[in-house]
């Protein structure tokens, strides 16, 4: 169930709303005059979401590289990584 609250509740009930965010790890939607305005999210839940988005973006870039032929044998890729980062 979505948590939707008016902005006045955020101002008047911040400790309760903060606790709810931390316990549920779910977003709380803030409205102003009945219209969506902001989304409030616990910092750990936000960081997890941000990590997952970056990971997904990397996967999508990899898929695009494959489609564009920007890939080769895995041994060559590891050799290039080793050389670039000085592992060998």
PDB file of N, CA and C in Angstrom:
ATOM      1  N   UNK A   1       0.848  -1.192   0.000  1.00  0.00           N
ATOM      2  CA  UNK A   1       0.000   0.000   0.000  1.00  0.00           C
ATOM      3  C   UNK A   1       0.884   1.242   0.000  1.00  0.00           C
ATOM      4  N   UNK A   2       0.568   2.169  -0.838  1.00  0.00           N
ATOM      5  CA  UNK A   2       1.342   3.397  -0.924  1.00  0.00           C
ATOM      6  C   UNK A   2       1.041   4.303   0.260  1.00  0.00           C
ATOM      7  N   UNK A   3       2.086   4.929   0.769  1.00  0.00           N
ATOM      8  CA  UNK A   3       1.940   5.922   1.820  1.00  0.00           C
ATOM      9  C   UNK A   3       1.927   7.290   1.170  1.00  0.00           C
ATOM     10  N   UNK A   4       0.796   7.967   1.255  1.00  0.00           N
ATOM     11  CA  UNK A   4       0.637   9.289   0.676  1.00  0.00           C
ATOM     12  C   UNK A   4       0.208  10.230   1.795  1.00  0.00           C
ATOM     13  N   UNK A   5       0.981  11.295   1.964  1.00  0.00           N
ATOM     14  CA  UNK A   5       0.651  12.243   3.028  1.00  0.00           C
ATOM     15  C   UNK A   5       0.779  13.665   2.503  1.00  0.00           C
ATOM     16  N   UNK A   6       0.027  14.579   3.091  1.00  0.00           N
ATOM     17  CA  UNK A   6       0.169  15.984   2.701  1.00  0.00           C
ATOM     18  C   UNK A   6       1.439  16.580   3.309  1.00  0.00           C
ATOM     19  N   UNK A   7       1.959  17.600   2.673  1.00  0.00           N
ATOM     20  CA  UNK A   7       3.201  18.226   3.144  1.00  0.00           C
ATOM     21  C   UNK A   7       3.073  18.742   4.574  1.00  0.00           C
ATOM     22  N   UNK A   8       1.889  19.141   4.979  1.00  0.00           N
ATOM     23  CA  UNK A   8       1.708  19.619   6.353  1.00  0.00           C
ATOM     24  C   UNK A   8       1.989  18.514   7.363  1.00  0.00           C
ATOM     25  N   UNK A   9       1.688  17.255   7.019  1.00  0.00           N
ATOM     26  CA  UNK A   9       2.009  16.145   7.920  1.00  0.00           C
ATOM     27  C   UNK A   9       3.516  15.981   8.062  1.00  0.00           C
ATOM     28  N   UNK A  10       4.245  16.190   6.989  1.00  0.00           N
ATOM     29  CA  UNK A  10       5.696  16.081   7.049  1.00  0.00           C
ATOM     30  C   UNK A  10       6.242  17.104   8.036  1.00  0.00           C
ATOM     31  N   UNK A  11       5.694  18.280   8.001  1.00  0.00           N
ATOM     32  CA  UNK A  11       6.126  19.344   8.911  1.00  0.00           C
ATOM     33  C   UNK A  11       5.697  19.051  10.356  1.00  0.00           C
ATOM     34  N   UNK A  12       4.477  18.571  10.536  1.00  0.00           N
ATOM     35  CA  UNK A  12       3.917  18.405  11.879  1.00  0.00           C
ATOM     36  C   UNK A  12       4.211  17.051  12.531  1.00  0.00           C
ATOM     37  N   UNK A  13       4.535  16.025  11.715  1.00  0.00           N
ATOM     38  CA  UNK A  13       4.728  14.671  12.260  1.00  0.00           C
ATOM     39  C   UNK A  13       6.041  14.054  11.790  1.00  0.00           C
ATOM     40  N   UNK A  14       7.065  14.892  11.644  1.00  0.00           N
ATOM     41  CA  UNK A  14       8.322  14.409  11.084  1.00  0.00           C
ATOM     42  C   UNK A  14       8.889  13.180  11.799  1.00  0.00           C
ATOM     43  N   UNK A  15       9.004  13.171  13.123  1.00  0.00           N
ATOM     44  CA  UNK A  15       9.599  11.996  13.779  1.00  0.00           C
ATOM     45  C   UNK A  15       8.852  10.693  13.444  1.00  0.00           C
ATOM     46  N   UNK A  16       7.546  10.741  13.435  1.00  0.00           N
ATOM     47  CA  UNK A  16       6.737   9.562  13.119  1.00  0.00           C
ATOM     48  C   UNK A  16       6.948   9.127  11.664  1.00  0.00           C
ATOM     49  N   UNK A  17       6.983  10.076  10.764  1.00  0.00           N
ATOM     50  CA  UNK A  17       7.150   9.776   9.342  1.00  0.00           C
ATOM     51  C   UNK A  17       8.561   9.240   9.074  1.00  0.00           C
ATOM     52  N   UNK A  18       9.552   9.824   9.723  1.00  0.00           N
ATOM     53  CA  UNK A  18      10.923   9.355   9.589  1.00  0.00           C
ATOM     54  C   UNK A  18      11.035   7.909  10.065  1.00  0.00           C
ATOM     55  N   UNK A  19      10.449   7.616  11.199  1.00  0.00           N
ATOM     56  CA  UNK A  19      10.467   6.253  11.749  1.00  0.00           C
ATOM     57  C   UNK A  19       9.782   5.279  10.781  1.00  0.00           C
ATOM     58  N   UNK A  20       8.652   5.705  10.203  1.00  0.00           N
ATOM     59  CA  UNK A  20       7.922   4.864   9.259  1.00  0.00           C
ATOM     60  C   UNK A  20       8.796   4.554   8.036  1.00  0.00           C
ATOM     61  N   UNK A  21       9.504   5.556   7.519  1.00  0.00           N
ATOM     62  CA  UNK A  21      10.398   5.353   6.379  1.00  0.00           C
ATOM     63  C   UNK A  21      11.479   4.331   6.712  1.00  0.00           C
ATOM     64  N   UNK A  22      12.082   4.481   7.868  1.00  0.00           N
ATOM     65  CA  UNK A  22      13.177   3.591   8.263  1.00  0.00           C
ATOM     66  C   UNK A  22      12.697   2.170   8.515  1.00  0.00           C
ATOM     67  N   UNK A  23      11.521   2.024   9.075  1.00  0.00           N
ATOM     68  CA  UNK A  23      11.010   0.689   9.379  1.00  0.00           C
ATOM     69  C   UNK A  23      10.519  -0.047   8.142  1.00  0.00           C
ATOM     70  N   UNK A  24       9.819   0.645   7.264  1.00  0.00           N
ATOM     71  CA  UNK A  24       9.203  -0.024   6.118  1.00  0.00           C
ATOM     72  C   UNK A  24      10.120  -0.090   4.902  1.00  0.00           C
ATOM     73  N   UNK A  25      11.113   0.823   4.828  1.00  0.00           N
ATOM     74  CA  UNK A  25      11.994   0.941   3.654  1.00  0.00           C
ATOM     75  C   UNK A  25      11.195   1.226   2.380  1.00  0.00           C
ATOM     76  N   UNK A  26       9.988   1.741   2.544  1.00  0.00           N
ATOM     77  CA  UNK A  26       9.110   2.062   1.420  1.00  0.00           C
ATOM     78  C   UNK A  26       9.032   3.578   1.249  1.00  0.00           C
ATOM     79  N   UNK A  27       8.823   4.044   0.026  1.00  0.00           N
ATOM     80  CA  UNK A  27       8.711   5.489  -0.195  1.00  0.00           C
ATOM     81  C   UNK A  27       7.414   6.052   0.389  1.00  0.00           C
ATOM     82  N   UNK A  28       7.497   7.298   0.766  1.00  0.00           N
ATOM     83  CA  UNK A  28       6.315   8.045   1.200  1.00  0.00           C
ATOM     84  C   UNK A  28       6.151   9.193   0.209  1.00  0.00           C
ATOM     85  N   UNK A  29       4.968   9.286  -0.358  1.00  0.00           N
ATOM     86  CA  UNK A  29       4.676  10.303  -1.358  1.00  0.00           C
ATOM     87  C   UNK A  29       4.086  11.525  -0.656  1.00  0.00           C
ATOM     88  N   UNK A  30       4.692  12.672  -0.915  1.00  0.00           N
ATOM     89  CA  UNK A  30       4.261  13.930  -0.288  1.00  0.00           C
ATOM     90  C   UNK A  30       3.452  14.720  -1.315  1.00  0.00           C
ATOM     91  N   UNK A  31       2.297  15.191  -0.872  1.00  0.00           N
ATOM     92  CA  UNK A  31       1.447  15.986  -1.759  1.00  0.00           C
ATOM     93  C   UNK A  31       1.372  17.426  -1.273  1.00  0.00           C
ATOM     94  N   UNK A  32       1.119  18.318  -2.215  1.00  0.00           N
ATOM     95  CA  UNK A  32       0.852  19.724  -1.916  1.00  0.00           C
ATOM     96  C   UNK A  32      -0.429  20.058  -2.651  1.00  0.00           C
ATOM     97  N   UNK A  33      -1.411  20.510  -1.901  1.00  0.00           N
ATOM     98  CA  UNK A  33      -2.727  20.817  -2.468  1.00  0.00           C
ATOM     99  C   UNK A  33      -3.293  19.628  -3.251  1.00  0.00           C
ATOM    100  N   UNK A  34      -3.070  18.424  -2.715  1.00  0.00           N
ATOM    101  CA  UNK A  34      -3.637  17.223  -3.316  1.00  0.00           C
ATOM    102  C   UNK A  34      -2.902  16.680  -4.529  1.00  0.00           C
ATOM    103  N   UNK A  35      -1.793  17.306  -4.881  1.00  0.00           N
ATOM    104  CA  UNK A  35      -1.033  16.862  -6.049  1.00  0.00           C
ATOM    105  C   UNK A  35       0.344  16.364  -5.618  1.00  0.00           C
ATOM    106  N   UNK A  36       0.838  15.337  -6.308  1.00  0.00           N
ATOM    107  CA  UNK A  36       2.153  14.794  -5.993  1.00  0.00           C
ATOM    108  C   UNK A  36       3.230  15.856  -6.088  1.00  0.00           C
ATOM    109  N   UNK A  37       4.162  15.851  -5.113  1.00  0.00           N
ATOM    110  CA  UNK A  37       5.210  16.856  -5.084  1.00  0.00           C
ATOM    111  C   UNK A  37       6.591  16.228  -4.885  1.00  0.00           C
ATOM    112  N   UNK A  38       6.726  15.347  -3.901  1.00  0.00           N
ATOM    113  CA  UNK A  38       8.017  14.761  -3.556  1.00  0.00           C
ATOM    114  C   UNK A  38       7.838  13.299  -3.170  1.00  0.00           C
ATOM    115  N   UNK A  39       8.971  12.595  -3.139  1.00  0.00           N
ATOM    116  CA  UNK A  39       8.994  11.241  -2.601  1.00  0.00           C
ATOM    117  C   UNK A  39      10.054  11.219  -1.515  1.00  0.00           C
ATOM    118  N   UNK A  40       9.700  10.708  -0.365  1.00  0.00           N
ATOM    119  CA  UNK A  40      10.595  10.618   0.780  1.00  0.00           C
ATOM    120  C   UNK A  40      10.991   9.164   0.948  1.00  0.00           C
ATOM    121  N   UNK A  41      12.309   8.916   1.109  1.00  0.00           N
ATOM    122  CA  UNK A  41      12.800   7.550   1.190  1.00  0.00           C
ATOM    123  C   UNK A  41      13.930   7.477   2.204  1.00  0.00           C
ATOM    124  N   UNK A  42      13.958   6.414   2.990  1.00  0.00           N
ATOM    125  CA  UNK A  42      15.036   6.160   3.928  1.00  0.00           C
ATOM    126  C   UNK A  42      16.368   6.141   3.179  1.00  0.00           C
ATOM    127  N   UNK A  43      17.433   6.642   3.799  1.00  0.00           N
ATOM    128  CA  UNK A  43      18.720   6.767   3.119  1.00  0.00           C
ATOM    129  C   UNK A  43      19.256   5.410   2.669  1.00  0.00           C
ATOM    130  N   UNK A  44      19.107   4.363   3.485  1.00  0.00           N
ATOM    131  CA  UNK A  44      19.591   3.036   3.089  1.00  0.00           C
ATOM    132  C   UNK A  44      18.803   2.498   1.890  1.00  0.00           C
ATOM    133  N   UNK A  45      17.505   2.704   1.894  1.00  0.00           N
ATOM    134  CA  UNK A  45      16.681   2.265   0.766  1.00  0.00           C
ATOM    135  C   UNK A  45      17.048   3.044  -0.490  1.00  0.00           C
ATOM    136  N   UNK A  46      17.334   4.332  -0.327  1.00  0.00           N
ATOM    137  CA  UNK A  46      17.738   5.150  -1.469  1.00  0.00           C
ATOM    138  C   UNK A  46      19.071   4.671  -2.032  1.00  0.00           C
ATOM    139  N   UNK A  47      20.041   4.411  -1.149  1.00  0.00           N
ATOM    140  CA  UNK A  47      21.355   3.961  -1.600  1.00  0.00           C
ATOM    141  C   UNK A  47      21.257   2.610  -2.313  1.00  0.00           C
ATOM    142  N   UNK A  48      20.406   1.721  -1.822  1.00  0.00           N
ATOM    143  CA  UNK A  48      20.194   0.428  -2.475  1.00  0.00           C
ATOM    144  C   UNK A  48      19.591   0.642  -3.863  1.00  0.00           C
ATOM    145  N   UNK A  49      18.603   1.498  -3.949  1.00  0.00           N
ATOM    146  CA  UNK A  49      17.968   1.801  -5.231  1.00  0.00           C
ATOM    147  C   UNK A  49      18.970   2.409  -6.207  1.00  0.00           C
ATOM    148  N   UNK A  50      19.782   3.334  -5.718  1.00  0.00           N
ATOM    149  CA  UNK A  50      20.788   3.980  -6.556  1.00  0.00           C
ATOM    150  C   UNK A  50      21.795   2.944  -7.076  1.00  0.00           C
ATOM    151  N   UNK A  51      22.247   2.032  -6.207  1.00  0.00           N
ATOM    152  CA  UNK A  51      23.166   0.972  -6.618  1.00  0.00           C
ATOM    153  C   UNK A  51      22.535   0.093  -7.694  1.00  0.00           C
ATOM    154  N   UNK A  52      21.285  -0.305  -7.472  1.00  0.00           N
ATOM    155  CA  UNK A  52      20.605  -1.170  -8.434  1.00  0.00           C
ATOM    156  C   UNK A  52      20.440  -0.483  -9.791  1.00  0.00           C
ATOM    157  N   UNK A  53      20.157   0.810  -9.784  1.00  0.00           N
ATOM    158  CA  UNK A  53      20.030   1.551 -11.040  1.00  0.00           C
ATOM    159  C   UNK A  53      21.358   1.627 -11.781  1.00  0.00           C
ATOM    160  N   UNK A  54      22.451   1.855 -11.038  1.00  0.00           N
ATOM    161  CA  UNK A  54      23.773   1.900 -11.668  1.00  0.00           C
ATOM    162  C   UNK A  54      24.139   0.528 -12.237  1.00  0.00           C
ATOM    163  N   UNK A  55      23.827  -0.520 -11.501  1.00  0.00           N
ATOM    164  CA  UNK A  55      24.098  -1.875 -11.973  1.00  0.00           C
ATOM    165  C   UNK A  55      23.311  -2.170 -13.252  1.00  0.00           C
ATOM    166  N   UNK A  56      22.043  -1.826 -13.241  1.00  0.00           N
ATOM    167  CA  UNK A  56      21.199  -2.034 -14.415  1.00  0.00           C
ATOM    168  C   UNK A  56      21.725  -1.236 -15.605  1.00  0.00           C
ATOM    169  N   UNK A  57      22.138   0.003 -15.372  1.00  0.00           N
ATOM    170  CA  UNK A  57      22.686   0.825 -16.455  1.00  0.00           C
ATOM    171  C   UNK A  57      23.931   0.168 -17.040  1.00  0.00           C
ATOM    172  N   UNK A  58      24.771  -0.424 -16.191  1.00  0.00           N
ATOM    173  CA  UNK A  58      25.957  -1.123 -16.668  1.00  0.00           C
ATOM    174  C   UNK A  58      25.608  -2.329 -17.513  1.00  0.00           C
ATOM    175  N   UNK A  59      24.604  -3.072 -17.090  1.00  0.00           N
ATOM    176  CA  UNK A  59      24.153  -4.232 -17.866  1.00  0.00           C
ATOM    177  C   UNK A  59      23.633  -3.781 -19.223  1.00  0.00           C
ATOM    178  N   UNK A  60      22.854  -2.725 -19.233  1.00  0.00           N
ATOM    179  CA  UNK A  60      22.318  -2.208 -20.498  1.00  0.00           C
ATOM    180  C   UNK A  60      23.422  -1.721 -21.429  1.00  0.00           C
ATOM    181  N   UNK A  61      24.449  -1.063 -20.857  1.00  0.00           N
ATOM    182  CA  UNK A  61      25.591  -0.639 -21.672  1.00  0.00           C
ATOM    183  C   UNK A  61      26.306  -1.852 -22.253  1.00  0.00           C
ATOM    184  N   UNK A  62      26.449  -2.899 -21.431  1.00  0.00           N
ATOM    185  CA  UNK A  62      27.085  -4.124 -21.910  1.00  0.00           C
ATOM    186  C   UNK A  62      26.305  -4.765 -23.042  1.00  0.00           C
ATOM    187  N   UNK A  63      25.002  -4.809 -22.902  1.00  0.00           N
ATOM    188  CA  UNK A  63      24.166  -5.360 -23.978  1.00  0.00           C
ATOM    189  C   UNK A  63      24.302  -4.538 -25.250  1.00  0.00           C
ATOM    190  N   UNK A  64      24.353  -3.231 -25.113  1.00  0.00           N
ATOM    191  CA  UNK A  64      24.522  -2.363 -26.283  1.00  0.00           C
ATOM    192  C   UNK A  64      25.882  -2.597 -26.930  1.00  0.00           C
ATOM    193  N   UNK A  65      26.931  -2.748 -26.105  1.00  0.00           N
ATOM    194  CA  UNK A  65      28.260  -3.032 -26.639  1.00  0.00           C
ATOM    195  C   UNK A  65      28.259  -4.329 -27.439  1.00  0.00           C
ATOM    196  N   UNK A  66      27.564  -5.341 -26.934  1.00  0.00           N
ATOM    197  CA  UNK A  66      27.474  -6.615 -27.649  1.00  0.00           C
ATOM    198  C   UNK A  66      26.785  -6.409 -28.990  1.00  0.00           C
ATOM    199  N   UNK A  67      25.683  -5.678 -28.998  1.00  0.00           N
ATOM    200  CA  UNK A  67      24.951  -5.418 -30.244  1.00  0.00           C
ATOM    201  C   UNK A  67      25.811  -4.671 -31.255  1.00  0.00           C
ATOM    202  N   UNK A  68      26.674  -3.781 -30.753  1.00  0.00           N
ATOM    203  CA  UNK A  68      27.515  -2.971 -31.632  1.00  0.00           C
ATOM    204  C   UNK A  68      28.845  -3.646 -31.952  1.00  0.00           C
ATOM    205  N   UNK A  69      29.020  -4.861 -31.489  1.00  0.00           N
ATOM    206  CA  UNK A  69      30.244  -5.605 -31.779  1.00  0.00           C
ATOM    207  C   UNK A  69      31.462  -5.120 -31.025  1.00  0.00           C
ATOM    208  N   UNK A  70      31.250  -4.438 -29.914  1.00  0.00           N
ATOM    209  CA  UNK A  70      32.364  -3.914 -29.119  1.00  0.00           C
ATOM    210  C   UNK A  70      32.804  -4.925 -28.057  1.00  0.00           C
ATOM    211  N   UNK A  71      32.932  -6.155 -28.463  1.00  0.00           N
ATOM    212  CA  UNK A  71      33.356  -7.180 -27.515  1.00  0.00           C
ATOM    213  C   UNK A  71      34.224  -8.191 -28.253  1.00  0.00           C
ATOM    214  N   UNK A  72      34.926  -8.969 -27.473  1.00  0.00           N
ATOM    215  CA  UNK A  72      35.810  -9.967 -28.058  1.00  0.00           C
ATOM    216  C   UNK A  72      35.965 -11.130 -27.105  1.00  0.00           C
ATOM    217  N   UNK A  73      36.909 -11.984 -27.378  1.00  0.00           N
ATOM    218  CA  UNK A  73      37.137 -13.137 -26.501  1.00  0.00           C
ATOM    219  C   UNK A  73      37.458 -12.689 -25.071  1.00  0.00           C
ATOM    220  N   UNK A  74      36.954 -13.440 -24.115  1.00  0.00           N
ATOM    221  CA  UNK A  74      37.101 -13.071 -22.702  1.00  0.00           C
ATOM    222  C   UNK A  74      38.560 -12.973 -22.289  1.00  0.00           C
ATOM    223  N   UNK A  75      39.402 -13.826 -22.858  1.00  0.00           N
ATOM    224  CA  UNK A  75      40.823 -13.783 -22.501  1.00  0.00           C
ATOM    225  C   UNK A  75      41.435 -12.439 -22.876  1.00  0.00           C
ATOM    226  N   UNK A  76      41.049 -11.922 -24.061  1.00  0.00           N
ATOM    227  CA  UNK A  76      41.560 -10.619 -24.492  1.00  0.00           C
ATOM    228  C   UNK A  76      41.056  -9.502 -23.580  1.00  0.00           C
ATOM    229  N   UNK A  77      39.811  -9.602 -23.155  1.00  0.00           N
ATOM    230  CA  UNK A  77      39.248  -8.585 -22.267  1.00  0.00           C
ATOM    231  C   UNK A  77      39.984  -8.567 -20.927  1.00  0.00           C
ATOM    232  N   UNK A  78      40.226  -9.748 -20.349  1.00  0.00           N
ATOM    233  CA  UNK A  78      40.941  -9.811 -19.070  1.00  0.00           C
ATOM    234  C   UNK A  78      42.373  -9.309 -19.225  1.00  0.00           C
ATOM    235  N   UNK A  79      43.019  -9.636 -20.333  1.00  0.00           N
ATOM    236  CA  UNK A  79      44.378  -9.157 -20.578  1.00  0.00           C
ATOM    237  C   UNK A  79      44.398  -7.631 -20.643  1.00  0.00           C
ATOM    238  N   UNK A  80      43.393  -7.052 -21.320  1.00  0.00           N
ATOM    239  CA  UNK A  80      43.314  -5.593 -21.420  1.00  0.00           C
ATOM    240  C   UNK A  80      43.085  -4.956 -20.054  1.00  0.00           C
ATOM    241  N   UNK A  81      42.211  -5.573 -19.260  1.00  0.00           N
ATOM    242  CA  UNK A  81      41.936  -5.054 -17.902  1.00  0.00           C
ATOM    243  C   UNK A  81      43.194  -5.141 -17.056  1.00  0.00           C
ATOM    244  N   UNK A  82      43.866  -6.293 -17.124  1.00  0.00           N
ATOM    245  CA  UNK A  82      45.104  -6.462 -16.361  1.00  0.00           C
ATOM    246  C   UNK A  82      46.120  -5.392 -16.715  1.00  0.00           C
ATOM    247  N   UNK A  83      46.265  -5.116 -18.027  1.00  0.00           N
ATOM    248  CA  UNK A  83      47.226  -4.123 -18.492  1.00  0.00           C
ATOM    249  C   UNK A  83      46.817  -2.721 -18.044  1.00  0.00           C
ATOM    250  N   UNK A  84      45.530  -2.390 -18.218  1.00  0.00           N
ATOM    251  CA  UNK A  84      45.036  -1.048 -17.851  1.00  0.00           C
ATOM    252  C   UNK A  84      45.196  -0.748 -16.387  1.00  0.00           C
ATOM    253  N   UNK A  85      44.963  -1.740 -15.540  1.00  0.00           N
ATOM    254  CA  UNK A  85      44.980  -1.501 -14.100  1.00  0.00           C
ATOM    255  C   UNK A  85      46.244  -2.011 -13.426  1.00  0.00           C
ATOM    256  N   UNK A  86      47.197  -2.488 -14.216  1.00  0.00           N
ATOM    257  CA  UNK A  86      48.488  -2.886 -13.679  1.00  0.00           C
ATOM    258  C   UNK A  86      48.447  -4.131 -12.812  1.00  0.00           C
ATOM    259  N   UNK A  87      47.546  -5.050 -13.116  1.00  0.00           N
ATOM    260  CA  UNK A  87      47.477  -6.265 -12.320  1.00  0.00           C
ATOM    261  C   UNK A  87      48.600  -7.242 -12.655  1.00  0.00           C
ATOM    262  N   UNK A  88      49.154  -7.120 -13.835  1.00  0.00           N
ATOM    263  CA  UNK A  88      50.247  -8.030 -14.237  1.00  0.00           C
ATOM    264  C   UNK A  88      51.421  -7.237 -14.721  1.00  0.00           C
TER     265      UNK A  88
END
